[in-house]
Amino acid sequence: MNLPESLSSLGRHFLNRRNFLHTAGLSGAAIGLTSLLSSDGLLSEDLKTAGGKKPIRPRIDSRNPYAARPSHFEAPAKQVLVIYCPGAVSHIDTFDYKPALARLHGQKPNGLPAVTFEGPSGNIAKPFWKFKPRGESGKMTSDLLPHLGRQVDDFCFFHALSTQTSAHPQGENFFNTGFTMEGFPSFGAWTTYALGTENQELPAFVAINDPRGLARSGKNNFGNGFLPAAFQGTAFNSKSPPNNLGRPRSIPARTDAQTVELLKLLNSRHLKKYPGDADLAGRIASYELAGKMQSSVPQVMDLAKESEATLKAYGVEGGSQLRGHYARNCILARRLLEKGVRVVQLFNGSDPSGGNGITNWDSHTNIAKTHAMQAEIMDQPTAALIADLKQRGLLKQTLVVWATEFGRMPFLQGNGTGRDHNPGAFTCFLAGAGVKKGFSYGESDEFGFKAMVDKTSVYDFNATILHLMGLDHSRLTFYHNGLERRLTNVHGHVVTEVTA
């Protein structure tokens, strides 16, 4: 095909050898200069994405990426426990009391959608469990979660949360990484990238997965994304310890120790040949941590020294087998926090495709059965964990986050037994270091359908959590593919009303 003469002459003019080399040289220099300026936070776009302030980059020793680092400012929370419930817990059946639902039960008021995420919608349905006032604050919560209900005077509820998606995998991604797509760093990765950890014998970030398996978004919920690999969550639970922790019995302990010392010597010599190679130093540090975990992890997982009273309080025995496994996970979470692990993420629910029966809080059919089963697993052990942290004085420095990806509709689905996904309103709560006690922030509408008063985005929620950890969400960034990336993207405001 012949080009028009105007385009042909333009191509001859632009693509001659001299112009090509001239343009390529200038482009290469411009890219290099841009990269240098951006890495130092000196580009105007960098300043714009960091809220008009220069990004604060943690000084990370590549030979010890887990070393504790100072926060941006003084804050009460030094550690964080995230209790995440995949599948979308119904706010209107747990913590968000809406009397109008009982008054309008069985009706279909104007203004509510005829079709939602999974199909036609049915009529308004009152909560499946009774609500009653609890604690000195008189907070109305349902009988579905009675153990957590007794602790409402320690909780700070967010009742006007909303999210950007009504799909579970994308919802998990968005809540845990700030983006609906995969490949972005998780909250725990951002936190440990910024702060490191106080315990050099254990991982900085541990993900304790449900005994039934990973949540829908899998490892993305605790992944490092484009941050250095050292900051991804280390996944194990009371049922499944990390792989390859055991030392072969055929090797005497002294021989094993001597081998480790020899490896340290060889690694040190190898690193000297490549000074400044952060990737190599990081890999060596990861392997060294894995070696330390051979002794530290079995100790922290050994529950034999826990008292009968503690095991009973957590509900290890006397309930379903799944509750027993989850209860042990809760004890493991407390023990990790006691040892100074910076971030512990505890999951209550897994991907339904990975097992049989009910595996999470997703309740499109028979919500009375599905939510009741999940509550039996989650309620007592979780409440015991929070009470245990408080009794041991750990809540003074630990921020507890109880969360789910979105809420559920105030009306039933067409099948008449389940509630569909509701990204427009849901409830999460904080407890512990730095937050008000017995406090509720924001309101959904009279149906619990949409966030109305003091509407709070997931960006705002994550910005507030980082703030309570002493981190400025707008300045905690990482340069990647030409952009200063952060957990809250270019959004988010700290909800100062909930801080103590």
Protein backbone atom coordinates (compact mmCIF):
# COMPACT_ATOMS: atom_id res chain seq x y z
CA MET A 1 0.00 0.00 0.00
CA ASN A 2 1.43 3.39 -1.04
CA LEU A 3 1.47 6.17 1.53
CA PRO A 4 0.23 9.64 0.61
CA GLU A 5 3.08 11.90 -0.47
CA SER A 6 2.62 14.14 2.63
CA LEU A 7 3.08 11.19 4.99
CA SER A 8 5.89 9.70 2.92
CA SER A 9 7.88 12.90 3.00
CA LEU A 10 7.22 13.29 6.72
CA GLY A 11 8.56 9.75 7.30
CA ARG A 12 11.72 10.48 5.25
CA HIS A 13 12.24 13.69 7.21
CA PHE A 14 11.72 12.16 10.65
CA LEU A 15 13.27 8.73 10.25
CA ASN A 16 16.65 9.65 8.78
CA ARG A 17 19.66 8.40 10.73
CA ARG A 18 20.66 11.76 12.21
CA ASN A 19 17.18 12.64 13.47
CA PHE A 20 16.69 9.15 14.87
CA LEU A 21 19.92 9.24 16.90
CA HIS A 22 19.27 12.81 18.04
CA THR A 23 15.72 12.02 19.20
CA ALA A 24 16.69 8.73 20.85
CA GLY A 25 19.52 10.40 22.75
CA LEU A 26 17.35 13.20 24.06
CA SER A 27 14.58 10.76 25.00
CA GLY A 28 16.96 8.53 26.91
CA ALA A 29 18.41 11.48 28.79
CA ALA A 30 14.93 12.79 29.58
CA ILE A 31 13.79 9.42 30.91
CA GLY A 32 16.89 9.11 33.07
CA LEU A 33 16.52 12.63 34.46
CA THR A 34 12.82 12.10 35.11
CA SER A 35 13.55 8.88 36.97
CA LEU A 36 16.20 10.53 39.15
CA LEU A 37 14.01 13.53 39.96
CA SER A 38 11.02 11.36 40.71
CA SER A 39 12.98 8.97 42.90
CA ASP A 40 13.95 11.99 44.99
CA GLY A 41 10.36 13.24 45.04
CA LEU A 42 11.27 16.43 43.14
CA LEU A 43 8.79 16.27 40.27
CA SER A 44 5.70 18.43 40.53
CA GLU A 45 3.53 15.37 39.91
CA ASP A 46 5.21 13.62 42.82
CA LEU A 47 4.37 16.53 45.04
CA LYS A 48 0.83 16.55 43.72
CA THR A 49 0.25 12.84 44.38
CA ALA A 50 1.71 13.21 47.86
CA GLY A 51 -0.82 15.83 48.84
CA GLY A 52 1.56 18.72 48.16
CA LYS A 53 4.25 17.23 50.41
CA LYS A 54 7.43 15.39 49.57
CA PRO A 55 7.06 11.60 49.93
CA ILE A 56 8.73 10.06 52.97
CA ARG A 57 10.80 7.06 51.92
CA PRO A 58 11.79 4.64 54.66
CA ARG A 59 15.52 4.09 54.95
CA ILE A 60 15.79 0.35 54.44
CA ASP A 61 19.00 -1.52 55.09
CA SER A 62 18.96 -4.11 52.30
CA ARG A 63 20.97 -6.46 54.53
CA ASN A 64 18.23 -6.27 57.17
CA PRO A 65 14.97 -5.13 55.53
CA TYR A 66 12.98 -6.15 58.62
CA ALA A 67 14.76 -3.79 61.03
CA ALA A 68 12.38 -1.56 62.99
CA ARG A 69 12.03 1.94 61.53
CA PRO A 70 10.51 5.11 63.01
CA SER A 71 6.99 6.16 62.09
CA HIS A 72 6.29 9.52 60.47
CA PHE A 73 5.00 10.87 63.77
CA GLU A 74 4.30 9.58 67.27
CA ALA A 75 1.22 7.38 67.50
CA PRO A 76 -0.21 5.00 70.09
CA ALA A 77 -0.51 1.97 67.79
CA LYS A 78 2.70 0.02 67.23
CA GLN A 79 1.11 -3.17 65.90
CA VAL A 80 -2.07 -4.01 64.03
CA LEU A 81 -4.37 -7.03 63.99
CA VAL A 82 -6.73 -7.26 61.01
CA ILE A 83 -9.62 -9.70 61.45
CA TYR A 84 -10.98 -10.08 57.94
CA CYS A 85 -14.30 -11.82 57.14
CA PRO A 86 -14.54 -12.66 53.41
CA GLY A 87 -17.95 -13.03 51.86
CA ALA A 88 -19.60 -9.81 53.08
CA VAL A 89 -21.09 -9.83 56.57
CA SER A 90 -24.62 -8.41 56.67
CA HIS A 91 -24.39 -5.15 58.60
CA ILE A 92 -28.15 -4.96 59.08
CA ASP A 93 -28.15 -8.39 60.76
CA THR A 94 -25.22 -7.66 63.08
CA PHE A 95 -24.24 -4.11 64.08
CA ASP A 96 -26.34 -1.59 62.12
CA TYR A 97 -29.76 -1.44 63.79
CA LYS A 98 -32.57 -0.30 61.47
CA PRO A 99 -36.06 -0.30 63.09
CA ALA A 100 -37.62 0.64 59.74
CA LEU A 101 -36.89 -2.85 58.43
CA ALA A 102 -39.26 -4.40 60.95
CA ARG A 103 -41.91 -1.78 60.18
CA LEU A 104 -41.68 -2.35 56.42
CA HIS A 105 -41.08 -6.09 56.53
CA GLY A 106 -42.57 -7.81 53.46
CA GLN A 107 -43.08 -4.54 51.56
CA LYS A 108 -41.30 -3.09 48.49
CA PRO A 109 -40.97 0.71 48.97
CA ASN A 110 -40.43 2.95 45.95
CA GLY A 111 -36.86 3.82 45.09
CA LEU A 112 -35.29 0.45 45.81
CA PRO A 113 -33.80 -1.39 42.80
CA ALA A 114 -35.72 -4.12 41.01
CA VAL A 115 -32.51 -5.95 40.02
CA THR A 116 -29.25 -6.22 41.96
CA PHE A 117 -25.96 -8.11 41.60
CA GLU A 118 -27.43 -11.63 41.33
CA GLY A 119 -30.81 -10.88 39.81
CA PRO A 120 -34.33 -9.73 40.77
CA SER A 121 -34.83 -8.34 44.24
CA GLY A 122 -37.60 -9.25 46.65
CA ASN A 123 -39.23 -7.46 49.56
CA ILE A 124 -37.81 -5.73 52.60
CA ALA A 125 -36.81 -8.21 55.30
CA LYS A 126 -36.33 -7.45 58.97
CA PRO A 127 -33.14 -8.72 60.65
CA PHE A 128 -33.00 -12.48 61.07
CA TRP A 129 -31.81 -12.01 64.66
CA LYS A 130 -33.15 -9.77 67.41
CA PHE A 131 -31.30 -6.60 68.37
CA LYS A 132 -30.89 -5.43 71.95
CA PRO A 133 -28.92 -2.70 73.74
CA ARG A 134 -25.56 -3.84 75.13
CA GLY A 135 -22.89 -2.43 77.37
CA GLU A 136 -22.97 0.89 79.19
CA SER A 137 -23.21 2.65 75.83
CA GLY A 138 -26.46 0.83 75.03
CA LYS A 139 -25.25 0.03 71.53
CA MET A 140 -27.85 -2.02 69.64
CA THR A 141 -26.38 -5.23 68.24
CA SER A 142 -27.95 -8.53 67.24
CA ASP A 143 -28.06 -11.91 68.93
CA LEU A 144 -26.08 -13.37 66.03
CA LEU A 145 -22.81 -12.20 67.65
CA PRO A 146 -23.48 -12.12 71.42
CA HIS A 147 -19.84 -12.43 72.54
CA LEU A 148 -18.70 -9.48 70.43
CA GLY A 149 -21.88 -7.67 71.46
CA ARG A 150 -20.75 -7.69 75.10
CA GLN A 151 -17.62 -5.77 74.10
CA VAL A 152 -19.23 -2.86 72.28
CA ASP A 153 -17.95 -0.38 74.86
CA ASP A 154 -14.44 -1.06 73.51
CA PHE A 155 -15.37 -0.71 69.83
CA CYS A 156 -15.44 2.20 67.41
CA PHE A 157 -17.94 1.46 64.62
CA PHE A 158 -17.91 2.86 61.08
CA HIS A 159 -21.54 2.66 59.86
CA ALA A 160 -21.32 4.64 56.62
CA LEU A 161 -18.66 2.74 54.71
CA SER A 162 -19.02 2.28 50.95
CA THR A 163 -16.88 0.61 48.32
CA GLN A 164 -16.37 0.66 44.53
CA THR A 165 -17.38 -2.86 43.58
CA SER A 166 -19.99 -5.52 44.31
CA ALA A 167 -17.83 -8.51 43.31
CA HIS A 168 -16.04 -10.48 46.02
CA PRO A 169 -12.52 -10.87 44.51
CA GLN A 170 -12.39 -7.23 43.46
CA GLY A 171 -13.90 -6.22 46.81
CA GLU A 172 -11.20 -8.08 48.71
CA ASN A 173 -8.54 -6.53 46.49
CA PHE A 174 -9.94 -3.06 46.98
CA PHE A 175 -10.24 -3.35 50.74
CA ASN A 176 -6.81 -4.90 51.27
CA THR A 177 -4.77 -3.14 48.56
CA GLY A 178 -6.69 0.00 47.58
CA PHE A 179 -7.25 -1.22 44.00
CA THR A 180 -9.78 -3.59 42.45
CA MET A 181 -7.09 -5.06 40.18
CA GLU A 182 -4.45 -7.51 41.33
CA GLY A 183 -0.76 -6.75 41.63
CA PHE A 184 -0.82 -3.96 44.22
CA PRO A 185 0.74 -4.12 47.70
CA SER A 186 -1.49 -5.12 50.59
CA PHE A 187 -2.02 -3.02 53.70
CA GLY A 188 0.32 -5.26 55.69
CA ALA A 189 3.04 -4.95 53.06
CA TRP A 190 2.80 -1.14 53.09
CA THR A 191 2.96 -1.07 56.89
CA THR A 192 5.98 -3.35 57.20
CA TYR A 193 7.71 -1.55 54.32
CA ALA A 194 7.35 1.62 56.36
CA LEU A 195 7.98 0.33 59.88
CA GLY A 196 9.77 -3.03 59.75
CA THR A 197 9.29 -5.10 62.90
CA GLU A 198 10.55 -5.35 66.46
CA ASN A 199 11.12 -9.12 66.34
CA GLN A 200 13.95 -10.27 64.08
CA GLU A 201 13.23 -13.98 64.67
CA LEU A 202 9.73 -13.93 63.14
CA PRO A 203 8.21 -12.42 59.98
CA ALA A 204 7.17 -8.79 60.10
CA PHE A 205 3.78 -9.65 58.56
CA VAL A 206 1.91 -12.91 59.13
CA ALA A 207 -1.29 -13.93 57.33
CA ILE A 208 -3.24 -16.55 59.30
CA ASN A 209 -5.56 -18.05 56.73
CA ASP A 210 -8.84 -19.80 57.44
CA PRO A 211 -8.40 -23.56 58.05
CA ARG A 212 -10.54 -24.14 54.93
CA GLY A 213 -8.08 -22.31 52.66
CA LEU A 214 -7.37 -18.91 51.11
CA ALA A 215 -9.99 -16.23 50.51
CA ARG A 216 -11.16 -15.54 46.95
CA SER A 217 -8.36 -13.11 46.12
CA GLY A 218 -5.84 -15.54 47.55
CA LYS A 219 -2.32 -14.32 48.20
CA ASN A 220 -3.12 -10.92 46.74
CA ASN A 221 -4.79 -10.10 50.08
CA PHE A 222 -1.41 -10.25 51.79
CA GLY A 223 0.98 -9.86 48.86
CA ASN A 224 3.78 -7.36 48.36
CA GLY A 225 2.75 -6.29 44.85
CA PHE A 226 5.55 -4.13 43.47
CA LEU A 227 7.14 -3.56 46.88
CA PRO A 228 10.27 -5.61 47.65
CA ALA A 229 9.43 -9.28 48.21
CA ALA A 230 10.62 -9.08 51.83
CA PHE A 231 7.36 -7.31 52.73
CA GLN A 232 4.84 -9.92 51.59
CA GLY A 233 2.87 -11.69 54.28
CA THR A 234 4.13 -15.06 55.49
CA ALA A 235 1.16 -17.41 55.42
CA PHE A 236 0.61 -20.13 57.99
CA ASN A 237 -1.94 -21.13 60.60
CA SER A 238 -2.30 -23.42 63.60
CA LYS A 239 -3.25 -26.29 61.32
CA SER A 240 -0.59 -25.78 58.64
CA PRO A 241 2.84 -24.48 59.74
CA PRO A 242 5.26 -23.02 57.17
CA ASN A 243 6.95 -25.58 54.96
CA ASN A 244 10.47 -26.87 55.51
CA LEU A 245 10.82 -25.76 59.12
CA GLY A 246 11.92 -29.09 60.48
CA ARG A 247 15.62 -29.96 60.70
CA PRO A 248 16.40 -33.47 59.39
CA ARG A 249 16.77 -35.79 62.38
CA SER A 250 19.76 -37.44 60.76
CA ILE A 251 21.77 -34.20 61.13
CA PRO A 252 23.08 -33.48 64.66
CA ALA A 253 22.23 -30.07 66.09
CA ARG A 254 25.90 -29.03 66.27
CA THR A 255 26.48 -29.98 62.63
CA ASP A 256 23.40 -28.01 61.64
CA ALA A 257 24.63 -24.93 63.56
CA GLN A 258 28.07 -25.18 61.97
CA THR A 259 26.49 -25.42 58.53
CA VAL A 260 24.46 -22.27 59.20
CA GLU A 261 27.62 -20.40 60.26
CA LEU A 262 29.39 -21.54 57.09
CA LEU A 263 26.49 -20.32 54.98
CA LYS A 264 26.62 -16.92 56.70
CA LEU A 265 30.32 -16.67 55.89
CA LEU A 266 29.83 -17.63 52.24
CA ASN A 267 26.86 -15.27 51.84
CA SER A 268 28.86 -12.43 53.38
CA ARG A 269 31.75 -12.98 50.98
CA HIS A 270 29.37 -13.23 48.03
CA LEU A 271 27.65 -9.96 49.03
CA LYS A 272 31.00 -8.15 49.18
CA LYS A 273 31.52 -8.97 45.50
CA TYR A 274 28.32 -7.09 44.65
CA PRO A 275 28.18 -4.02 46.91
CA GLY A 276 24.90 -2.14 46.73
CA ASP A 277 22.95 -5.07 45.25
CA ALA A 278 19.76 -4.66 47.27
CA ASP A 279 18.03 -7.64 45.66
CA LEU A 280 20.85 -9.99 46.59
CA ALA A 281 21.00 -8.63 50.13
CA GLY A 282 17.24 -8.96 50.44
CA ARG A 283 17.30 -12.60 49.29
CA ILE A 284 20.03 -13.42 51.79
CA ALA A 285 18.04 -11.71 54.56
CA SER A 286 14.93 -13.72 53.62
CA TYR A 287 16.81 -17.01 53.77
CA GLU A 288 18.37 -16.07 57.09
CA LEU A 289 14.94 -15.26 58.50
CA ALA A 290 13.68 -18.62 57.26
CA GLY A 291 16.52 -20.25 59.18
CA LYS A 292 15.61 -18.39 62.36
CA MET A 293 11.97 -19.43 61.92
CA GLN A 294 12.97 -23.08 62.30
CA SER A 295 13.16 -22.47 66.02
CA SER A 296 10.92 -19.43 66.54
CA VAL A 297 7.77 -20.59 64.69
CA PRO A 298 7.42 -24.00 66.41
CA GLN A 299 7.71 -22.23 69.76
CA VAL A 300 5.05 -19.66 68.98
CA MET A 301 2.73 -22.34 67.55
CA ASP A 302 3.03 -24.61 70.59
CA LEU A 303 -0.20 -24.13 72.54
CA ALA A 304 0.64 -26.76 75.16
CA LYS A 305 1.45 -24.11 77.75
CA GLU A 306 -1.90 -22.34 77.35
CA SER A 307 -4.12 -22.79 80.41
CA GLU A 308 -7.38 -24.72 80.37
CA ALA A 309 -9.16 -21.46 81.20
CA THR A 310 -7.67 -19.79 78.12
CA LEU A 311 -8.57 -22.68 75.81
CA LYS A 312 -12.11 -22.65 77.19
CA ALA A 313 -12.47 -18.89 76.80
CA TYR A 314 -11.43 -19.09 73.14
CA GLY A 315 -13.80 -22.00 72.50
CA VAL A 316 -11.17 -24.47 71.36
CA GLU A 317 -13.37 -27.33 72.57
CA GLY A 318 -17.12 -27.75 72.79
CA GLY A 319 -18.07 -26.36 69.40
CA SER A 320 -17.65 -27.30 65.77
CA GLN A 321 -14.31 -28.59 64.51
CA LEU A 322 -13.97 -25.45 62.39
CA ARG A 323 -14.47 -23.27 65.44
CA GLY A 324 -11.73 -25.21 67.21
CA HIS A 325 -9.31 -24.59 64.33
CA TYR A 326 -10.23 -20.90 64.13
CA ALA A 327 -9.92 -20.56 67.93
CA ARG A 328 -6.37 -21.92 67.74
CA ASN A 329 -5.67 -19.40 64.97
CA CYS A 330 -6.86 -16.65 67.32
CA ILE A 331 -4.50 -17.84 70.06
CA LEU A 332 -1.69 -17.96 67.50
CA ALA A 333 -2.49 -14.35 66.53
CA ARG A 334 -2.20 -13.25 70.17
CA ARG A 335 1.11 -15.07 70.58
CA LEU A 336 2.54 -13.46 67.44
CA LEU A 337 1.53 -10.01 68.67
CA GLU A 338 3.10 -10.78 72.05
CA LYS A 339 6.35 -11.53 70.21
CA GLY A 340 6.30 -8.13 68.50
CA VAL A 341 5.13 -9.09 65.00
CA ARG A 342 4.11 -5.83 63.34
CA VAL A 343 1.06 -6.96 61.32
CA VAL A 344 -1.12 -10.02 61.86
CA GLN A 345 -3.98 -10.62 59.43
CA LEU A 346 -6.49 -13.23 60.58
CA PHE A 347 -9.02 -14.58 58.07
CA ASN A 348 -12.45 -16.01 58.92
CA GLY A 349 -13.65 -17.48 55.63
CA SER A 350 -12.24 -18.90 52.40
CA ASP A 351 -12.93 -19.28 48.69
CA PRO A 352 -16.08 -21.42 48.24
CA SER A 353 -14.55 -23.11 45.19
CA GLY A 354 -11.80 -24.54 47.38
CA GLY A 355 -13.99 -26.73 49.58
CA ASN A 356 -17.41 -28.19 50.22
CA GLY A 357 -20.32 -26.56 51.97
CA ILE A 358 -20.34 -23.12 53.60
CA THR A 359 -16.89 -21.56 53.59
CA ASN A 360 -17.49 -17.84 54.17
CA TRP A 361 -20.09 -15.14 54.86
CA ASP A 362 -21.56 -15.11 51.34
CA SER A 363 -25.31 -15.56 51.83
CA HIS A 364 -27.35 -15.51 48.64
CA THR A 365 -29.49 -18.40 49.86
CA ASN A 366 -30.66 -19.17 53.38
CA ILE A 367 -28.82 -16.40 55.19
CA ALA A 368 -30.24 -17.68 58.48
CA LYS A 369 -28.22 -20.88 58.06
CA THR A 370 -25.05 -19.51 56.44
CA HIS A 371 -24.54 -16.54 58.75
CA ALA A 372 -25.36 -18.64 61.81
CA MET A 373 -22.68 -21.18 60.87
CA GLN A 374 -20.04 -18.53 60.29
CA ALA A 375 -20.98 -16.71 63.49
CA GLU A 376 -20.56 -19.91 65.52
CA ILE A 377 -17.00 -20.15 64.18
CA MET A 378 -16.05 -16.48 64.48
CA ASP A 379 -17.86 -14.90 67.43
CA GLN A 380 -16.52 -16.49 70.63
CA PRO A 381 -12.86 -16.91 69.55
CA THR A 382 -12.65 -13.37 68.15
CA ALA A 383 -14.21 -11.84 71.26
CA ALA A 384 -11.84 -13.90 73.45
CA LEU A 385 -8.85 -12.71 71.40
CA ILE A 386 -9.76 -9.04 71.87
CA ALA A 387 -10.46 -9.57 75.57
CA ASP A 388 -7.15 -11.42 75.97
CA LEU A 389 -5.22 -8.61 74.29
CA LYS A 390 -6.93 -6.14 76.63
CA GLN A 391 -6.24 -8.22 79.75
CA ARG A 392 -2.55 -8.53 78.84
CA GLY A 393 -2.20 -4.81 78.18
CA LEU A 394 -1.55 -5.35 74.46
CA LEU A 395 -4.52 -3.24 73.32
CA LYS A 396 -2.63 -0.16 74.49
CA GLN A 397 -0.26 -0.60 71.55
CA THR A 398 -2.29 -2.79 69.19
CA LEU A 399 -4.92 -1.53 66.77
CA VAL A 400 -7.63 -4.12 66.05
CA VAL A 401 -9.45 -3.90 62.71
CA TRP A 402 -12.58 -6.03 62.13
CA ALA A 403 -13.58 -5.85 58.49
CA THR A 404 -15.43 -7.30 55.50
CA GLU A 405 -15.49 -6.22 51.82
CA PHE A 406 -19.08 -4.84 51.61
CA GLY A 407 -22.52 -5.25 53.12
CA ARG A 408 -25.83 -6.90 52.25
CA MET A 409 -29.14 -5.61 50.94
CA PRO A 410 -32.08 -4.72 53.23
CA PHE A 411 -34.40 -6.72 50.98
CA LEU A 412 -34.28 -10.38 50.07
CA GLN A 413 -33.32 -11.77 46.71
CA GLY A 414 -35.96 -13.23 44.44
CA ASN A 415 -35.44 -16.61 46.10
CA GLY A 416 -36.83 -15.19 49.35
CA THR A 417 -34.07 -16.48 51.65
CA GLY A 418 -30.83 -14.63 50.91
CA ARG A 419 -29.50 -11.08 50.79
CA ASP A 420 -27.52 -9.79 47.79
CA HIS A 421 -24.28 -7.78 47.77
CA ASN A 422 -24.47 -4.15 48.90
CA PRO A 423 -21.46 -1.92 48.12
CA GLY A 424 -23.42 1.19 49.10
CA ALA A 425 -23.32 0.65 52.86
CA PHE A 426 -21.56 -1.63 55.31
CA THR A 427 -20.05 -1.68 58.80
CA CYS A 428 -16.56 -2.34 60.16
CA PHE A 429 -15.06 -1.50 63.53
CA LEU A 430 -11.77 -0.56 65.18
CA ALA A 431 -10.64 -1.20 68.73
CA GLY A 432 -7.56 -0.61 70.84
CA ALA A 433 -4.73 1.86 70.48
CA GLY A 434 -5.72 5.37 69.52
CA VAL A 435 -9.47 5.01 68.89
CA LYS A 436 -12.52 6.16 70.82
CA LYS A 437 -14.35 3.52 72.83
CA GLY A 438 -18.08 2.86 72.61
CA PHE A 439 -18.35 5.20 69.64
CA SER A 440 -20.18 5.07 66.32
CA TYR A 441 -19.28 7.18 63.30
CA GLY A 442 -21.53 7.74 60.30
CA GLU A 443 -25.01 6.50 59.45
CA SER A 444 -26.62 4.58 56.62
CA ASP A 445 -30.16 5.46 55.51
CA GLU A 446 -33.25 4.10 57.29
CA PHE A 447 -33.01 0.82 55.36
CA GLY A 448 -29.23 0.34 55.63
CA PHE A 449 -29.19 0.61 51.83
CA LYS A 450 -26.88 3.59 51.26
CA ALA A 451 -24.31 5.43 53.37
CA MET A 452 -25.80 8.84 54.20
CA VAL A 453 -24.24 10.72 57.12
CA ASP A 454 -20.44 11.09 57.26
CA LYS A 455 -20.01 8.74 54.31
CA THR A 456 -16.63 7.02 54.52
CA SER A 457 -14.74 5.44 51.64
CA VAL A 458 -12.37 2.51 51.94
CA TYR A 459 -9.62 5.04 51.13
CA ASP A 460 -10.64 7.06 54.20
CA PHE A 461 -10.77 3.94 56.36
CA ASN A 462 -7.27 2.83 55.31
CA ALA A 463 -5.92 6.37 55.65
CA THR A 464 -7.23 6.41 59.23
CA ILE A 465 -5.63 3.05 60.08
CA LEU A 466 -2.27 4.23 58.73
CA HIS A 467 -2.64 7.46 60.71
CA LEU A 468 -3.20 5.51 63.91
CA MET A 469 0.04 3.64 63.13
CA GLY A 470 1.88 6.96 62.85
CA LEU A 471 1.96 7.01 59.03
CA ASP A 472 0.87 9.77 56.67
CA HIS A 473 -0.99 7.92 53.92
CA SER A 474 -0.33 10.71 51.40
CA ARG A 475 3.44 10.53 51.91
CA LEU A 476 3.92 6.77 52.21
CA THR A 477 4.67 6.08 48.55
CA PHE A 478 6.71 3.84 46.25
CA TYR A 479 7.84 4.86 42.78
CA HIS A 480 6.59 2.32 40.25
CA ASN A 481 6.11 2.55 36.48
CA GLY A 482 6.42 6.33 36.47
CA LEU A 483 4.03 6.98 39.35
CA GLU A 484 4.29 7.52 43.08
CA ARG A 485 1.96 4.74 44.19
CA ARG A 486 0.32 4.52 47.60
CA LEU A 487 -2.29 2.44 49.44
CA THR A 488 -4.93 5.14 49.06
CA ASN A 489 -4.10 5.95 45.40
CA VAL A 490 -4.74 9.72 45.14
CA HIS A 491 -7.68 9.70 47.56
CA GLY A 492 -8.44 9.38 51.24
CA HIS A 493 -8.83 11.55 54.32
CA VAL A 494 -8.12 10.66 57.93
CA VAL A 495 -11.31 10.40 59.98
CA THR A 496 -10.06 12.38 62.96
CA GLU A 497 -13.46 12.17 64.68
CA VAL A 498 -12.72 8.56 65.73
CA THR A 499 -9.27 9.17 67.22
CA ALA A 500 -8.99 9.26 71.01
